[in-house]
Amino acid sequence: MTVCAKSAMALLSVSALSSFVQCPRQFFVQYIVGEEVRVNAAMAMGLVKHKFHELVSLREEEFVLQLKAGEDVHSALAQKYGLLAREAVVKYVNSLRAVNVAVQDALARTIPLVQREAEEKARVLAPLIEKGFLGEELWISLVPKVRTEYAVQSKKLGIKGRIDRLELYGSRLLPVELKSGRCPGEGVFEHHRIQAASYALLLEDVFGTHVPEAQVHYVDHAERRSVVMNPFTREWVVDVAAKVTGLKESREVPKGCGQEYCEACKKLSDPLFLAKIRAKQQ
């Protein structure tokens, strides 16, 4: 079945590629039919955790400059990060309430994240402070420098997106995709891999530099998984983008993932839902 075409093709979002890889019908329902994704408790907490990481990055220089000799670095950072976690919860308090997650419950769920983040940063900073680095010297010595929600796009690739976390190791760039919730036994989920790999290609095109690796950070499990940018992965990203573009142009209902839990597959197997789509597109 084909639904009438709309406007000319714009740049594809990396999130759209991820949706397509997870299930082509999910992409169709969300990006062609235009149905909004219903936020659940896990998604609401994911928003909170993303915001927390963004706030940590934005305040990192300030916090590093405030550190003093002899101070317990972990305790100092954990206290500051705890306040940022509270700020992140307040930012999404309405979304949390809509899915019956109480503010205190949301704050409790951020505690492990706050502690891990403080531990990881203290592990890097404490040895530098012991060597006598403080203030500007400490900040300059800190590697990597981090940018969050880094917007990037490429007409050549036909895609755009926002990198959750871009780590700068001198001239080396490392895009990191942050994910809350489940973590696979090994490797990364395919719909996460397409996101991480897409960002590596975008950075290469925009900055004219080689990006050999991207990472997916499963924040609830403190697991970082590598996505190696080999020729197969590079070709795969281009191929997926071409398929998504083709689907947007044809507007033909695709085959789905076939999983029992997939709401998009169920909807697009329902004649009444398909009739509703046709009526909207007339």
Protein backbone atom coordinates (compact mmCIF):
# COMPACT_ATOMS: atom_id res chain seq x y z
CA MET A 1 0.00 0.00 0.00
CA THR A 2 1.26 3.52 -0.83
CA VAL A 3 0.35 6.76 0.92
CA CYS A 4 0.41 10.03 -1.06
CA ALA A 5 3.71 11.88 -1.23
CA LYS A 6 4.40 15.10 0.60
CA SER A 7 7.17 17.69 0.28
CA ALA A 8 10.68 17.31 -1.11
CA MET A 9 13.23 15.32 0.85
CA ALA A 10 15.07 17.06 3.68
CA LEU A 11 18.04 15.75 5.64
CA LEU A 12 17.21 12.55 7.53
CA SER A 13 17.61 12.56 11.29
CA VAL A 14 19.90 9.93 12.79
CA SER A 15 16.99 9.06 15.11
CA ALA A 16 14.94 8.20 12.02
CA LEU A 17 17.64 5.77 10.86
CA SER A 18 17.61 4.17 14.31
CA SER A 19 13.84 3.80 14.21
CA PHE A 20 14.02 2.17 10.76
CA VAL A 21 16.69 -0.33 11.87
CA GLN A 22 14.68 -1.25 14.94
CA CYS A 23 11.56 -1.78 12.82
CA PRO A 24 10.74 -0.27 9.40
CA ARG A 25 7.07 -0.12 10.39
CA GLN A 26 7.94 1.79 13.54
CA PHE A 27 9.72 4.33 11.35
CA PHE A 28 6.69 4.46 9.04
CA VAL A 29 4.21 5.09 11.86
CA GLN A 30 6.39 7.71 13.53
CA TYR A 31 7.94 9.59 10.60
CA ILE A 32 5.48 9.11 7.73
CA VAL A 33 2.12 8.72 9.45
CA GLY A 34 3.28 11.25 12.06
CA GLU A 35 2.10 9.50 15.22
CA GLU A 36 3.91 10.69 18.33
CA VAL A 37 5.70 8.09 20.43
CA ARG A 38 3.90 7.53 23.71
CA VAL A 39 6.33 8.26 26.56
CA ASN A 40 6.58 5.54 29.22
CA ALA A 41 8.39 5.51 32.58
CA ALA A 42 11.66 4.21 31.11
CA MET A 43 11.66 6.90 28.42
CA ALA A 44 10.91 9.65 30.97
CA MET A 45 13.82 8.51 33.13
CA GLY A 46 15.97 8.37 30.00
CA LEU A 47 15.24 12.06 29.42
CA VAL A 48 16.29 12.82 33.00
CA LYS A 49 19.56 10.90 32.64
CA HIS A 50 20.39 12.59 29.33
CA LYS A 51 19.73 16.01 30.87
CA PHE A 52 21.92 15.13 33.86
CA HIS A 53 24.87 14.27 31.59
CA GLU A 54 24.30 17.47 29.62
CA LEU A 55 24.33 19.58 32.81
CA VAL A 56 27.49 17.87 34.07
CA SER A 57 29.24 18.73 30.81
CA LEU A 58 28.05 22.35 30.86
CA ARG A 59 29.24 22.88 34.45
CA GLU A 60 32.41 20.77 34.26
CA GLU A 61 34.90 23.62 33.85
CA GLU A 62 33.30 25.56 36.71
CA PHE A 63 33.43 22.55 39.03
CA VAL A 64 37.04 21.71 38.15
CA LEU A 65 38.19 25.29 38.77
CA GLN A 66 36.57 25.21 42.23
CA LEU A 67 38.47 22.13 43.45
CA LYS A 68 41.01 22.72 46.23
CA ALA A 69 44.16 20.93 47.39
CA GLY A 70 43.45 18.29 50.04
CA GLU A 71 39.75 18.18 49.18
CA ASP A 72 37.97 14.84 48.78
CA VAL A 73 37.37 15.11 45.03
CA HIS A 74 34.75 12.36 44.91
CA SER A 75 32.68 13.85 47.74
CA ALA A 76 32.89 17.37 46.32
CA LEU A 77 31.77 16.26 42.87
CA ALA A 78 29.08 13.89 44.16
CA GLN A 79 27.49 16.76 46.09
CA LYS A 80 27.48 19.03 43.04
CA TYR A 81 26.28 16.27 40.72
CA GLY A 82 23.46 15.46 43.14
CA LEU A 83 22.17 19.01 42.71
CA LEU A 84 22.37 18.64 38.93
CA ALA A 85 20.40 15.39 39.11
CA ARG A 86 17.70 17.22 41.06
CA GLU A 87 17.69 19.96 38.41
CA ALA A 88 17.27 17.32 35.68
CA VAL A 89 14.33 15.73 37.52
CA VAL A 90 12.64 19.11 37.97
CA LYS A 91 13.09 19.80 34.24
CA TYR A 92 11.03 16.71 33.38
CA VAL A 93 8.72 16.63 36.40
CA ASN A 94 5.58 16.83 34.24
CA SER A 95 6.71 13.96 32.01
CA LEU A 96 7.50 11.88 35.10
CA ARG A 97 4.15 12.58 36.72
CA ALA A 98 2.35 11.69 33.49
CA VAL A 99 3.76 8.15 33.76
CA ASN A 100 3.27 7.92 37.55
CA VAL A 101 6.92 8.31 38.57
CA ALA A 102 7.16 10.31 41.80
CA VAL A 103 9.86 12.96 42.13
CA GLN A 104 11.51 11.19 45.09
CA ASP A 105 11.50 7.91 43.18
CA ALA A 106 13.11 9.59 40.16
CA LEU A 107 15.78 11.15 42.38
CA ALA A 108 16.49 7.78 43.99
CA ARG A 109 16.99 6.25 40.54
CA THR A 110 19.62 8.87 39.70
CA ILE A 111 21.80 8.14 42.78
CA PRO A 112 23.82 5.30 41.18
CA LEU A 113 24.41 7.49 38.12
CA VAL A 114 25.59 10.41 40.26
CA GLN A 115 27.97 8.19 42.24
CA ARG A 116 29.46 6.54 39.13
CA GLU A 117 29.97 9.86 37.36
CA ALA A 118 31.68 11.32 40.44
CA GLU A 119 33.89 8.23 40.84
CA GLU A 120 34.97 8.25 37.19
CA LYS A 121 35.81 11.96 37.19
CA ALA A 122 37.59 11.77 40.57
CA ARG A 123 39.71 8.89 39.25
CA VAL A 124 41.04 11.24 36.55
CA LEU A 125 41.29 14.45 38.59
CA ALA A 126 42.72 13.21 41.91
CA PRO A 127 46.13 12.16 40.48
CA LEU A 128 46.46 15.50 38.69
CA ILE A 129 45.70 17.40 41.90
CA GLU A 130 48.29 15.29 43.75
CA LYS A 131 50.84 16.47 41.16
CA GLY A 132 50.00 20.07 42.09
CA PHE A 133 47.65 20.98 39.26
CA LEU A 134 44.82 23.30 40.35
CA GLY A 135 42.64 25.96 38.75
CA GLU A 136 43.37 26.68 35.10
CA GLU A 137 46.29 24.25 35.03
CA LEU A 138 44.02 21.46 36.23
CA TRP A 139 41.38 22.29 33.64
CA ILE A 140 43.91 22.43 30.79
CA SER A 141 45.36 19.07 31.88
CA LEU A 142 41.98 17.35 31.96
CA VAL A 143 41.41 15.00 29.03
CA PRO A 144 39.01 14.45 27.38
CA LYS A 145 37.17 17.71 26.99
CA VAL A 146 33.47 17.05 26.43
CA ARG A 147 30.72 18.64 24.35
CA THR A 148 27.11 17.51 24.73
CA GLU A 149 24.13 17.70 22.36
CA TYR A 150 26.57 18.55 19.58
CA ALA A 151 24.63 19.34 16.39
CA VAL A 152 26.11 18.08 13.13
CA GLN A 153 24.80 17.58 9.59
CA SER A 154 25.99 16.62 6.13
CA LYS A 155 24.34 17.23 2.76
CA LYS A 156 26.71 14.69 1.23
CA LEU A 157 25.46 11.94 3.57
CA GLY A 158 21.92 13.34 3.68
CA ILE A 159 21.70 13.02 7.46
CA LYS A 160 21.78 15.19 10.58
CA GLY A 161 21.65 14.75 14.33
CA ARG A 162 22.82 15.71 17.81
CA ILE A 163 25.65 13.75 19.37
CA ASP A 164 24.85 13.00 23.01
CA ARG A 165 28.49 13.28 24.05
CA LEU A 166 31.47 14.28 21.91
CA GLU A 167 34.81 13.58 23.58
CA LEU A 168 37.87 15.51 22.39
CA TYR A 169 41.27 13.86 22.86
CA GLY A 170 43.44 16.53 21.31
CA SER A 171 42.73 16.17 17.59
CA ARG A 172 40.95 12.81 18.02
CA LEU A 173 37.14 12.85 18.09
CA LEU A 174 35.05 10.18 19.82
CA PRO A 175 31.24 10.31 19.50
CA VAL A 176 29.43 8.61 22.39
CA GLU A 177 25.75 7.69 22.32
CA LEU A 178 24.15 7.55 25.80
CA LYS A 179 21.53 4.88 26.42
CA SER A 180 19.56 4.07 29.55
CA GLY A 181 17.72 0.81 30.19
CA ARG A 182 18.71 -2.58 28.82
CA CYS A 183 22.26 -3.50 27.85
CA PRO A 184 22.97 -6.44 25.50
CA GLY A 185 25.11 -9.33 26.70
CA GLU A 186 27.80 -8.27 24.25
CA GLY A 187 28.21 -5.63 21.56
CA VAL A 188 25.47 -3.06 21.03
CA PHE A 189 21.89 -3.19 19.81
CA GLU A 190 21.70 -2.63 16.04
CA HIS A 191 19.50 0.47 16.32
CA HIS A 192 22.09 1.95 18.70
CA ARG A 193 24.96 0.95 16.42
CA ILE A 194 23.47 2.84 13.47
CA GLN A 195 23.30 6.00 15.58
CA ALA A 196 26.88 5.80 16.84
CA ALA A 197 28.24 4.92 13.39
CA SER A 198 26.25 7.72 11.72
CA TYR A 199 27.78 10.27 14.07
CA ALA A 200 31.29 9.02 13.27
CA LEU A 201 30.63 9.47 9.54
CA LEU A 202 29.11 12.91 10.11
CA LEU A 203 32.16 14.05 12.06
CA GLU A 204 34.47 12.73 9.34
CA ASP A 205 32.60 14.62 6.64
CA VAL A 206 32.28 17.88 8.58
CA PHE A 207 35.84 18.03 9.98
CA GLY A 208 37.71 16.13 7.28
CA THR A 209 39.30 13.83 9.83
CA HIS A 210 39.39 10.06 10.38
CA VAL A 211 37.06 8.79 13.13
CA PRO A 212 37.93 5.10 13.60
CA GLU A 213 35.52 4.40 16.43
CA ALA A 214 32.28 5.43 18.09
CA GLN A 215 30.89 4.22 21.41
CA VAL A 216 27.56 3.41 23.02
CA HIS A 217 27.48 4.06 26.77
CA TYR A 218 24.82 2.03 28.59
CA VAL A 219 24.66 4.38 31.56
CA ASP A 220 22.59 2.18 33.89
CA HIS A 221 25.16 -0.60 33.57
CA ALA A 222 28.33 1.55 33.45
CA GLU A 223 29.18 -0.23 30.19
CA ARG A 224 30.87 1.39 27.20
CA ARG A 225 30.76 -0.63 24.00
CA SER A 226 32.83 0.13 20.92
CA VAL A 227 31.50 0.46 17.37
CA VAL A 228 34.45 -0.01 15.02
CA MET A 229 34.18 2.00 11.81
CA ASN A 230 35.23 -0.67 9.32
CA PRO A 231 34.24 -0.56 5.61
CA PHE A 232 31.19 -2.77 6.25
CA THR A 233 29.82 -0.41 8.92
CA ARG A 234 30.40 2.65 6.75
CA GLU A 235 28.62 1.03 3.80
CA TRP A 236 25.78 -0.09 6.08
CA VAL A 237 25.04 3.48 7.23
CA VAL A 238 24.90 4.74 3.64
CA ASP A 239 22.67 1.81 2.64
CA VAL A 240 20.23 2.37 5.53
CA ALA A 241 20.00 6.09 4.70
CA ALA A 242 19.21 5.19 1.07
CA LYS A 243 16.49 2.75 2.14
CA VAL A 244 14.92 5.31 4.46
CA THR A 245 14.96 7.92 1.70
CA GLY A 246 13.35 5.43 -0.67
CA LEU A 247 10.62 4.65 1.85
CA LYS A 248 9.90 8.34 2.42
CA GLU A 249 9.55 8.81 -1.34
CA SER A 250 7.45 5.70 -2.04
CA ARG A 251 5.39 5.93 1.18
CA GLU A 252 4.69 2.23 0.77
CA VAL A 253 3.95 0.31 3.96
CA PRO A 254 7.10 -1.80 4.59
CA LYS A 255 7.57 -5.21 6.12
CA GLY A 256 7.94 -5.02 9.88
CA CYS A 257 10.15 -6.70 12.47
CA GLY A 258 7.40 -9.22 13.23
CA GLN A 259 7.97 -9.10 16.99
CA GLU A 260 4.85 -9.76 19.07
CA TYR A 261 5.48 -6.70 21.26
CA CYS A 262 5.81 -4.29 18.30
CA GLU A 263 2.88 -1.86 18.35
CA ALA A 264 3.75 -0.48 14.90
CA CYS A 265 3.53 -3.94 13.32
CA LYS A 266 0.15 -4.48 14.96
CA LYS A 267 -1.18 -1.11 13.81
CA LEU A 268 -0.11 -1.55 10.20
CA SER A 269 -1.72 -4.99 10.10
CA ASP A 270 -5.05 -3.46 11.11
CA PRO A 271 -7.30 -2.59 8.11
CA LEU A 272 -9.06 0.12 10.14
CA PHE A 273 -5.76 1.85 10.94
CA LEU A 274 -4.70 1.66 7.28
CA ALA A 275 -8.04 3.15 6.21
CA LYS A 276 -7.53 5.96 8.71
CA ILE A 277 -4.10 6.70 7.19
CA ARG A 278 -5.57 6.83 3.68
CA ALA A 279 -8.31 9.20 4.83
CA LYS A 280 -5.80 11.56 6.47
CA GLN A 281 -3.66 11.68 3.33
CA GLN A 282 -6.51 12.47 0.93
